[in-house]
């Protein structure tokens, strides 16, 4: 019997491998896609997150290729990059399209491979690296424990959680661990936004990893947590000999 009260954890391992595989595919592709292009094809990008900017040379999805007025760039007309990912090979087009819609793609915050700018910034590289590690970790230690919260906490050794479950502080610990994983990215990003501080690409990667780790674990837990896998709440094994007790709604007497 597994530590959660079920006979096996094949589904949890499969979900972990899916998250590991998808995040790993994108992580590797961020470095591989530039190698499939001629050197110097993608340079000096700078666009918007959550919007298409480099889909075409002109028209829809070409905001990144729009010249900046002279008064906004040292008195001279300038173009941020020169890319139409719809004209690239299918693999590179998919990866650069993914980066276009999800990342700001600022050149100074991105690495280059084969003299081509990566499809995403270094912060996103760190996030996907963290998601890869989170999925990999879940394949080994993640257990379905009825709720998403308790499934996330299953990655922490049970002996560390005895007091947490005995005093029913699960939500506080779950939220606290999540905030701890997000803190480096939030602190680094907002400090850069609100002050003259400028982060480095290495710091962006390092602060993105714990955020991605938490995101990967949360994604796995959202798919792995299944109450219907148990005969009842009492079947779920929890740290510290704790157990779920479902509140019963007492019908009110009509006057």
C-alpha atoms as a PDB file:
ATOM      1  CA  UNK A   1       0.000   0.000   0.000  1.00  0.00           C
ATOM      2  CA  UNK A   2       1.209   3.493  -0.874  1.00  0.00           C
ATOM      3  CA  UNK A   3       1.542   6.290   1.739  1.00  0.00           C
ATOM      4  CA  UNK A   4      -1.765   7.773   0.545  1.00  0.00           C
ATOM      5  CA  UNK A   5      -3.782   4.595   1.141  1.00  0.00           C
ATOM      6  CA  UNK A   6      -4.039   3.399  -2.465  1.00  0.00           C
ATOM      7  CA  UNK A   7      -2.476   0.305  -3.996  1.00  0.00           C
ATOM      8  CA  UNK A   8      -0.391   2.112  -6.616  1.00  0.00           C
ATOM      9  CA  UNK A   9       0.685   5.488  -7.956  1.00  0.00           C
ATOM     10  CA  UNK A  10       0.961   4.769 -11.672  1.00  0.00           C
ATOM     11  CA  UNK A  11      -1.341   7.650 -12.601  1.00  0.00           C
ATOM     12  CA  UNK A  12       0.651  10.157 -10.559  1.00  0.00           C
ATOM     13  CA  UNK A  13       3.903   9.028 -12.179  1.00  0.00           C
ATOM     14  CA  UNK A  14       2.340   9.283 -15.645  1.00  0.00           C
ATOM     15  CA  UNK A  15       1.121  12.833 -14.985  1.00  0.00           C
ATOM     16  CA  UNK A  16       4.564  13.791 -13.694  1.00  0.00           C
ATOM     17  CA  UNK A  17       6.183  12.416 -16.834  1.00  0.00           C
ATOM     18  CA  UNK A  18       3.757  14.353 -19.036  1.00  0.00           C
ATOM     19  CA  UNK A  19       4.631  17.640 -17.310  1.00  0.00           C
ATOM     20  CA  UNK A  20       8.329  16.738 -17.458  1.00  0.00           C
ATOM     21  CA  UNK A  21       8.096  15.853 -21.131  1.00  0.00           C
ATOM     22  CA  UNK A  22       6.156  18.923 -22.267  1.00  0.00           C
ATOM     23  CA  UNK A  23       8.266  21.389 -20.292  1.00  0.00           C
ATOM     24  CA  UNK A  24      11.452  19.575 -21.315  1.00  0.00           C
ATOM     25  CA  UNK A  25      10.436  19.723 -24.980  1.00  0.00           C
ATOM     26  CA  UNK A  26      10.008  23.486 -24.842  1.00  0.00           C
ATOM     27  CA  UNK A  27      13.158  23.981 -22.767  1.00  0.00           C
ATOM     28  CA  UNK A  28      15.304  22.069 -25.263  1.00  0.00           C
ATOM     29  CA  UNK A  29      13.519  23.678 -28.210  1.00  0.00           C
ATOM     30  CA  UNK A  30      14.349  27.180 -26.971  1.00  0.00           C
ATOM     31  CA  UNK A  31      17.997  26.336 -27.679  1.00  0.00           C
ATOM     32  CA  UNK A  32      17.494  23.976 -30.620  1.00  0.00           C
ATOM     33  CA  UNK A  33      15.163  26.123 -32.762  1.00  0.00           C
ATOM     34  CA  UNK A  34      17.787  28.880 -33.290  1.00  0.00           C
ATOM     35  CA  UNK A  35      20.176  26.203 -34.568  1.00  0.00           C
ATOM     36  CA  UNK A  36      17.734  25.262 -37.344  1.00  0.00           C
ATOM     37  CA  UNK A  37      17.941  28.795 -38.760  1.00  0.00           C
ATOM     38  CA  UNK A  38      20.662  30.562 -40.670  1.00  0.00           C
ATOM     39  CA  UNK A  39      22.944  32.515 -38.352  1.00  0.00           C
ATOM     40  CA  UNK A  40      21.765  36.086 -37.826  1.00  0.00           C
ATOM     41  CA  UNK A  41      18.131  35.389 -38.783  1.00  0.00           C
ATOM     42  CA  UNK A  42      16.681  36.470 -35.420  1.00  0.00           C
ATOM     43  CA  UNK A  43      18.214  39.474 -33.691  1.00  0.00           C
ATOM     44  CA  UNK A  44      17.297  42.510 -31.596  1.00  0.00           C
ATOM     45  CA  UNK A  45      13.721  41.481 -30.808  1.00  0.00           C
ATOM     46  CA  UNK A  46      11.710  43.532 -28.326  1.00  0.00           C
ATOM     47  CA  UNK A  47       7.961  43.117 -28.216  1.00  0.00           C
ATOM     48  CA  UNK A  48       4.969  42.658 -25.908  1.00  0.00           C
ATOM     49  CA  UNK A  49       4.002  39.700 -23.772  1.00  0.00           C
ATOM     50  CA  UNK A  50       0.660  37.970 -24.417  1.00  0.00           C
ATOM     51  CA  UNK A  51       0.404  39.348 -27.950  1.00  0.00           C
ATOM     52  CA  UNK A  52       1.583  38.449 -31.444  1.00  0.00           C
ATOM     53  CA  UNK A  53       4.227  40.911 -32.641  1.00  0.00           C
ATOM     54  CA  UNK A  54       6.406  38.992 -35.091  1.00  0.00           C
ATOM     55  CA  UNK A  55       3.981  36.772 -36.983  1.00  0.00           C
ATOM     56  CA  UNK A  56       4.265  38.708 -40.250  1.00  0.00           C
ATOM     57  CA  UNK A  57       6.348  41.413 -41.886  1.00  0.00           C
ATOM     58  CA  UNK A  58       3.387  43.763 -42.027  1.00  0.00           C
ATOM     59  CA  UNK A  59      -0.298  43.799 -41.193  1.00  0.00           C
ATOM     60  CA  UNK A  60      -1.736  41.560 -38.495  1.00  0.00           C
ATOM     61  CA  UNK A  61       0.755  40.369 -35.888  1.00  0.00           C
ATOM     62  CA  UNK A  62       3.594  42.616 -37.043  1.00  0.00           C
ATOM     63  CA  UNK A  63       3.733  45.177 -34.247  1.00  0.00           C
ATOM     64  CA  UNK A  64       7.361  44.299 -33.481  1.00  0.00           C
ATOM     65  CA  UNK A  65       8.371  45.084 -37.048  1.00  0.00           C
ATOM     66  CA  UNK A  66       6.793  48.550 -36.940  1.00  0.00           C
ATOM     67  CA  UNK A  67       9.382  51.362 -37.121  1.00  0.00           C
ATOM     68  CA  UNK A  68       9.688  53.482 -33.985  1.00  0.00           C
ATOM     69  CA  UNK A  69       9.244  57.237 -34.656  1.00  0.00           C
ATOM     70  CA  UNK A  70      12.522  59.191 -34.695  1.00  0.00           C
ATOM     71  CA  UNK A  71      11.796  61.135 -31.497  1.00  0.00           C
ATOM     72  CA  UNK A  72      11.484  57.881 -29.567  1.00  0.00           C
ATOM     73  CA  UNK A  73      14.890  56.490 -30.550  1.00  0.00           C
ATOM     74  CA  UNK A  74      17.778  58.944 -30.497  1.00  0.00           C
ATOM     75  CA  UNK A  75      16.335  61.015 -33.332  1.00  0.00           C
ATOM     76  CA  UNK A  76      16.506  58.177 -35.853  1.00  0.00           C
ATOM     77  CA  UNK A  77      13.972  55.699 -37.138  1.00  0.00           C
ATOM     78  CA  UNK A  78      14.567  52.235 -35.739  1.00  0.00           C
ATOM     79  CA  UNK A  79      13.002  48.793 -36.029  1.00  0.00           C
ATOM     80  CA  UNK A  80      13.047  46.293 -33.163  1.00  0.00           C
ATOM     81  CA  UNK A  81      14.149  43.156 -34.911  1.00  0.00           C
ATOM     82  CA  UNK A  82      13.099  41.936 -38.328  1.00  0.00           C
ATOM     83  CA  UNK A  83      11.292  38.625 -38.035  1.00  0.00           C
ATOM     84  CA  UNK A  84       8.265  36.885 -39.501  1.00  0.00           C
ATOM     85  CA  UNK A  85       8.119  33.497 -37.798  1.00  0.00           C
ATOM     86  CA  UNK A  86       5.362  32.338 -40.168  1.00  0.00           C
ATOM     87  CA  UNK A  87       8.070  32.237 -42.866  1.00  0.00           C
ATOM     88  CA  UNK A  88      10.390  29.979 -40.846  1.00  0.00           C
ATOM     89  CA  UNK A  89      10.547  26.180 -40.989  1.00  0.00           C
ATOM     90  CA  UNK A  90       7.545  24.579 -39.183  1.00  0.00           C
ATOM     91  CA  UNK A  91       9.476  23.625 -36.058  1.00  0.00           C
ATOM     92  CA  UNK A  92      11.115  27.014 -35.577  1.00  0.00           C
ATOM     93  CA  UNK A  93       7.853  28.773 -36.479  1.00  0.00           C
ATOM     94  CA  UNK A  94       6.004  26.901 -33.722  1.00  0.00           C
ATOM     95  CA  UNK A  95       8.644  27.636 -31.071  1.00  0.00           C
ATOM     96  CA  UNK A  96       9.131  31.283 -32.033  1.00  0.00           C
ATOM     97  CA  UNK A  97       5.362  31.713 -32.288  1.00  0.00           C
ATOM     98  CA  UNK A  98       5.027  30.290 -28.789  1.00  0.00           C
ATOM     99  CA  UNK A  99       7.659  32.723 -27.564  1.00  0.00           C
ATOM    100  CA  UNK A 100       6.053  35.617 -29.398  1.00  0.00           C
ATOM    101  CA  UNK A 101       2.677  35.224 -27.711  1.00  0.00           C
ATOM    102  CA  UNK A 102       4.027  34.390 -24.241  1.00  0.00           C
ATOM    103  CA  UNK A 103       7.159  36.510 -23.782  1.00  0.00           C
ATOM    104  CA  UNK A 104       8.250  40.125 -24.217  1.00  0.00           C
ATOM    105  CA  UNK A 105      11.379  38.809 -26.011  1.00  0.00           C
ATOM    106  CA  UNK A 106      13.522  41.773 -25.004  1.00  0.00           C
ATOM    107  CA  UNK A 107      16.914  41.396 -26.618  1.00  0.00           C
ATOM    108  CA  UNK A 108      18.947  42.571 -23.633  1.00  0.00           C
ATOM    109  CA  UNK A 109      17.213  39.974 -21.425  1.00  0.00           C
ATOM    110  CA  UNK A 110      17.695  37.054 -23.788  1.00  0.00           C
ATOM    111  CA  UNK A 111      20.511  34.740 -24.774  1.00  0.00           C
ATOM    112  CA  UNK A 112      21.709  33.994 -28.295  1.00  0.00           C
ATOM    113  CA  UNK A 113      22.505  30.679 -29.947  1.00  0.00           C
ATOM    114  CA  UNK A 114      23.992  30.493 -33.456  1.00  0.00           C
ATOM    115  CA  UNK A 115      23.862  34.310 -33.507  1.00  0.00           C
ATOM    116  CA  UNK A 116      20.078  34.043 -33.193  1.00  0.00           C
ATOM    117  CA  UNK A 117      18.113  35.356 -30.245  1.00  0.00           C
ATOM    118  CA  UNK A 118      16.298  32.671 -28.247  1.00  0.00           C
ATOM    119  CA  UNK A 119      12.477  32.590 -28.591  1.00  0.00           C
ATOM    120  CA  UNK A 120      12.025  33.547 -24.912  1.00  0.00           C
ATOM    121  CA  UNK A 121      13.878  35.588 -22.310  1.00  0.00           C
ATOM    122  CA  UNK A 122      16.151  34.090 -19.675  1.00  0.00           C
ATOM    123  CA  UNK A 123      13.427  34.376 -17.021  1.00  0.00           C
ATOM    124  CA  UNK A 124      11.207  32.037 -19.026  1.00  0.00           C
ATOM    125  CA  UNK A 125      14.140  29.684 -19.568  1.00  0.00           C
ATOM    126  CA  UNK A 126      14.431  29.438 -15.784  1.00  0.00           C
ATOM    127  CA  UNK A 127      10.685  28.925 -15.351  1.00  0.00           C
ATOM    128  CA  UNK A 128      10.575  26.048 -17.828  1.00  0.00           C
ATOM    129  CA  UNK A 129      13.671  24.535 -16.238  1.00  0.00           C
ATOM    130  CA  UNK A 130      11.859  24.669 -12.900  1.00  0.00           C
ATOM    131  CA  UNK A 131       8.718  23.104 -14.370  1.00  0.00           C
ATOM    132  CA  UNK A 132      10.842  20.295 -15.762  1.00  0.00           C
ATOM    133  CA  UNK A 133      12.335  19.673 -12.306  1.00  0.00           C
ATOM    134  CA  UNK A 134       8.912  19.935 -10.640  1.00  0.00           C
ATOM    135  CA  UNK A 135       7.424  17.335 -12.966  1.00  0.00           C
ATOM    136  CA  UNK A 136      10.429  15.076 -12.496  1.00  0.00           C
ATOM    137  CA  UNK A 137      10.153  15.390  -8.719  1.00  0.00           C
ATOM    138  CA  UNK A 138       6.444  14.542  -8.864  1.00  0.00           C
ATOM    139  CA  UNK A 139       7.115  11.330 -10.782  1.00  0.00           C
ATOM    140  CA  UNK A 140       9.059  10.058  -7.757  1.00  0.00           C
ATOM    141  CA  UNK A 141       7.230  11.467  -4.745  1.00  0.00           C
ATOM    142  CA  UNK A 142       3.808  12.807  -5.727  1.00  0.00           C
ATOM    143  CA  UNK A 143       0.716  11.071  -4.304  1.00  0.00           C
ATOM    144  CA  UNK A 144      -2.965  11.683  -4.869  1.00  0.00           C
ATOM    145  CA  UNK A 145      -4.305  12.785  -1.488  1.00  0.00           C
ATOM    146  CA  UNK A 146      -7.846  13.805  -2.395  1.00  0.00           C
ATOM    147  CA  UNK A 147      -7.285  17.587  -2.684  1.00  0.00           C
ATOM    148  CA  UNK A 148      -4.867  19.646  -4.789  1.00  0.00           C
ATOM    149  CA  UNK A 149      -3.434  21.191  -1.628  1.00  0.00           C
ATOM    150  CA  UNK A 150      -2.700  17.861   0.059  1.00  0.00           C
ATOM    151  CA  UNK A 151      -1.392  16.368  -3.173  1.00  0.00           C
ATOM    152  CA  UNK A 152       1.125  19.230  -3.427  1.00  0.00           C
ATOM    153  CA  UNK A 153       2.138  18.707   0.202  1.00  0.00           C
ATOM    154  CA  UNK A 154       2.718  14.995  -0.458  1.00  0.00           C
ATOM    155  CA  UNK A 155       6.116  15.886  -1.918  1.00  0.00           C
ATOM    156  CA  UNK A 156       7.274  17.014   1.529  1.00  0.00           C
ATOM    157  CA  UNK A 157       8.432  14.105   3.753  1.00  0.00           C
ATOM    158  CA  UNK A 158       5.557  12.975   5.986  1.00  0.00           C
ATOM    159  CA  UNK A 159       7.628  13.230   9.150  1.00  0.00           C
ATOM    160  CA  UNK A 160       8.002  16.954   8.544  1.00  0.00           C
ATOM    161  CA  UNK A 161       4.232  17.414   8.397  1.00  0.00           C
ATOM    162  CA  UNK A 162       3.022  15.630  11.532  1.00  0.00           C
ATOM    163  CA  UNK A 163       2.391  18.842  13.463  1.00  0.00           C
ATOM    164  CA  UNK A 164       0.985  20.557  10.379  1.00  0.00           C
ATOM    165  CA  UNK A 165      -1.736  17.928   9.991  1.00  0.00           C
ATOM    166  CA  UNK A 166      -2.391  17.405  13.671  1.00  0.00           C
ATOM    167  CA  UNK A 167      -3.054  21.136  14.075  1.00  0.00           C
ATOM    168  CA  UNK A 168      -4.699  21.445  10.652  1.00  0.00           C
ATOM    169  CA  UNK A 169      -2.323  24.066   9.339  1.00  0.00           C
ATOM    170  CA  UNK A 170      -2.187  22.580   5.851  1.00  0.00           C
ATOM    171  CA  UNK A 171      -3.450  25.671   4.038  1.00  0.00           C
ATOM    172  CA  UNK A 172      -0.974  27.936   5.838  1.00  0.00           C
ATOM    173  CA  UNK A 173       1.983  25.654   5.014  1.00  0.00           C
ATOM    174  CA  UNK A 174       0.848  25.135   1.414  1.00  0.00           C
ATOM    175  CA  UNK A 175       0.420  28.872   0.880  1.00  0.00           C
ATOM    176  CA  UNK A 176       3.695  29.620   2.666  1.00  0.00           C
ATOM    177  CA  UNK A 177       5.708  27.205   0.523  1.00  0.00           C
ATOM    178  CA  UNK A 178       4.123  28.673  -2.607  1.00  0.00           C
ATOM    179  CA  UNK A 179       4.999  32.211  -1.561  1.00  0.00           C
ATOM    180  CA  UNK A 180       8.545  31.106  -0.738  1.00  0.00           C
ATOM    181  CA  UNK A 181       8.989  29.680  -4.238  1.00  0.00           C
ATOM    182  CA  UNK A 182       7.541  32.811  -5.869  1.00  0.00           C
ATOM    183  CA  UNK A 183       9.452  35.296  -3.703  1.00  0.00           C
ATOM    184  CA  UNK A 184      12.796  35.351  -5.603  1.00  0.00           C
ATOM    185  CA  UNK A 185      11.102  36.077  -8.944  1.00  0.00           C
ATOM    186  CA  UNK A 186       8.666  38.620  -7.487  1.00  0.00           C
ATOM    187  CA  UNK A 187      11.377  40.420  -5.532  1.00  0.00           C
ATOM    188  CA  UNK A 188      13.812  40.531  -8.450  1.00  0.00           C
ATOM    189  CA  UNK A 189      11.159  41.593 -10.953  1.00  0.00           C
ATOM    190  CA  UNK A 190       9.460  44.297  -8.896  1.00  0.00           C
ATOM    191  CA  UNK A 191      12.750  45.688  -7.589  1.00  0.00           C
ATOM    192  CA  UNK A 192      13.809  46.096 -11.198  1.00  0.00           C
ATOM    193  CA  UNK A 193      10.472  47.683 -12.112  1.00  0.00           C
ATOM    194  CA  UNK A 194      10.257  50.130  -9.213  1.00  0.00           C
ATOM    195  CA  UNK A 195      13.899  51.137  -8.768  1.00  0.00           C
ATOM    196  CA  UNK A 196      17.042  51.752 -10.806  1.00  0.00           C
ATOM    197  CA  UNK A 197      18.195  48.196 -10.031  1.00  0.00           C
ATOM    198  CA  UNK A 198      18.846  46.084 -13.119  1.00  0.00           C
ATOM    199  CA  UNK A 199      18.914  42.317 -12.803  1.00  0.00           C
ATOM    200  CA  UNK A 200      21.226  40.063 -14.790  1.00  0.00           C
ATOM    201  CA  UNK A 201      20.362  37.182 -17.066  1.00  0.00           C
ATOM    202  CA  UNK A 202      21.872  34.697 -14.630  1.00  0.00           C
ATOM    203  CA  UNK A 203      19.736  36.082 -11.799  1.00  0.00           C
ATOM    204  CA  UNK A 204      16.643  35.909 -14.016  1.00  0.00           C
ATOM    205  CA  UNK A 205      17.280  32.217 -14.648  1.00  0.00           C
ATOM    206  CA  UNK A 206      17.977  31.454 -10.986  1.00  0.00           C
ATOM    207  CA  UNK A 207      14.868  33.305  -9.756  1.00  0.00           C
ATOM    208  CA  UNK A 208      12.712  31.707 -12.437  1.00  0.00           C
ATOM    209  CA  UNK A 209      13.631  28.140 -11.440  1.00  0.00           C
ATOM    210  CA  UNK A 210      11.861  28.029  -8.016  1.00  0.00           C
ATOM    211  CA  UNK A 211       8.766  29.699  -9.491  1.00  0.00           C
ATOM    212  CA  UNK A 212       8.684  27.122 -12.284  1.00  0.00           C
ATOM    213  CA  UNK A 213       9.256  24.320  -9.778  1.00  0.00           C
ATOM    214  CA  UNK A 214       6.166  25.354  -7.835  1.00  0.00           C
ATOM    215  CA  UNK A 215       4.177  25.786 -11.051  1.00  0.00           C
ATOM    216  CA  UNK A 216       5.185  22.310 -12.230  1.00  0.00           C
ATOM    217  CA  UNK A 217       4.176  20.675  -8.947  1.00  0.00           C
ATOM    218  CA  UNK A 218       0.887  22.580  -8.874  1.00  0.00           C
ATOM    219  CA  UNK A 219       0.106  21.524 -12.464  1.00  0.00           C
ATOM    220  CA  UNK A 220       0.779  17.880 -11.607  1.00  0.00           C
ATOM    221  CA  UNK A 221      -1.326  18.084  -8.448  1.00  0.00           C
ATOM    222  CA  UNK A 222      -4.276  19.634 -10.293  1.00  0.00           C
ATOM    223  CA  UNK A 223      -4.450  16.593 -12.578  1.00  0.00           C
ATOM    224  CA  UNK A 224      -3.462  13.976  -9.996  1.00  0.00           C
ATOM    225  CA  UNK A 225      -5.842  14.928  -7.159  1.00  0.00           C
ATOM    226  CA  UNK A 226      -8.890  12.646  -7.548  1.00  0.00           C
ATOM    227  CA  UNK A 227     -11.343  12.098  -4.727  1.00  0.00           C
ATOM    228  CA  UNK A 228     -13.117   9.372  -6.735  1.00  0.00           C
ATOM    229  CA  UNK A 229     -10.003   7.187  -6.530  1.00  0.00           C
ATOM    230  CA  UNK A 230     -10.849   6.536  -2.857  1.00  0.00           C
ATOM    231  CA  UNK A 231     -13.768   4.591  -1.432  1.00  0.00           C
ATOM    232  CA  UNK A 232     -14.244   7.437   1.006  1.00  0.00           C
ATOM    233  CA  UNK A 233     -12.449  10.272   2.771  1.00  0.00           C
ATOM    234  CA  UNK A 234     -11.439   7.942   5.584  1.00  0.00           C
ATOM    235  CA  UNK A 235      -9.336   5.837   3.204  1.00  0.00           C
ATOM    236  CA  UNK A 236      -6.860   8.691   2.622  1.00  0.00           C
ATOM    237  CA  UNK A 237      -3.706   8.205   4.691  1.00  0.00           C
ATOM    238  CA  UNK A 238      -2.303  11.512   5.958  1.00  0.00           C
ATOM    239  CA  UNK A 239       0.813  12.434   7.981  1.00  0.00           C
ATOM    240  CA  UNK A 240       0.564  12.347  11.762  1.00  0.00           C
ATOM    241  CA  UNK A 241      -2.275   9.775  11.683  1.00  0.00           C
ATOM    242  CA  UNK A 242      -4.627  12.589  10.662  1.00  0.00           C
ATOM    243  CA  UNK A 243      -7.748  11.850   8.631  1.00  0.00           C
ATOM    244  CA  UNK A 244     -10.349  13.719   6.636  1.00  0.00           C
ATOM    245  CA  UNK A 245     -13.725  14.238   8.222  1.00  0.00           C
ATOM    246  CA  UNK A 246     -16.404  15.390   5.832  1.00  0.00           C
ATOM    247  CA  UNK A 247     -18.785  17.908   7.347  1.00  0.00           C
ATOM    248  CA  UNK A 248     -22.398  16.776   7.148  1.00  0.00           C
ATOM    249  CA  UNK A 249     -25.012  19.342   6.454  1.00  0.00           C
ATOM    250  CA  UNK A 250     -27.709  19.174   9.116  1.00  0.00           C
ATOM    251  CA  UNK A 251     -31.135  19.789   7.603  1.00  0.00           C
ATOM    252  CA  UNK A 252     -32.902  22.708   9.210  1.00  0.00           C
ATOM    253  CA  UNK A 253     -36.382  22.173  10.520  1.00  0.00           C
ATOM    254  CA  UNK A 254     -39.010  24.164   8.766  1.00  0.00           C
ATOM    255  CA  UNK A 255     -41.036  26.466  10.953  1.00  0.00           C
END
